[in-house]
Amino acid sequence: MSSADHITPLSKLPNFDPRQVPVAGVDSHLPAVPAERLQAEALRQRFTAPPLWQPEVRAEPRFTKRQPAQAAVLVPLVARPEPTLLLTQRTSHLANHSGQIAFPGGKVDDTDADVVDAALREAEEEVGLARDYVHVLGTLPVYTTGTAFVITPVVAWVRPGFTLVPNAGEVADIFEVPLSFLLNPAHHRRHAYEFEGVRREWFSMPWQDGATERYIWGATAGMLRNFYRFLAA
């Protein structure tokens, strides 16, 4: 779209709060991923011999002229009795996606061997997750953000016993969400918002963590939706 470079990012809109955008629909008609598919061996088999499937969310409307940058995130599945997903909340002063719920991750550096190496390095730097606890299962299709990051999600099984040390400059909080909650479309809310003649659409997956609402939306929710499609196929 020729006007894409002039799209204002949602985060820059005055008083924009994704929580206030009405829910356009909830996908409770879709089946949840069965619990047995969320265990280590089933996940390994799925990545070793994936079914035919299509990612549902690939790219956001672009609102920057800068060149695309390769990035990688770690999707850390923690081997609890009920498997969980480890997520972070970004600090409020960051230039991109400040304050949002995110996977550990960032730009691929020249010193990284590949996107997997980048995701593992970023997880170590951001939250102190040592590689010794991480077993990489595979990758999901790339997701391109409006900020021109071309992200490869690297899915990994994480052995408990790790100690996390958040990078105070990047990470405000670290928490875990039950994987079964995130991979149940009854918790996938659809939103749509139009501004400057451009319609944006996204998912949200709010999770109530005690007294705290963890508002998962945007790119993180989009990649999780693709993970759902991959496991449900």
Foldseek 3Di string as FASTA:
>chain_A
DVCLQADDDQVPDPPRDVVPFDFPDFVLVDAFQDQVCLDDVNLLVCLVDFDDFDQDAAEWRAHHPDAAFEKEFEFEWEPDVQIWTKWFQWDQPDPPPHRAIGGQMDTDDPPAPDNVSRNQVSQCQAWNFHCVFKDWRAWFAWHAYNHRYTYIYTYIYGYPPDHTDGDVNTTPDMDIDRLSQLRRRSQWTKGWDDDPNDITIKIWRWDCDPPDIRIHMDPRSSVSSRVSRRSVD
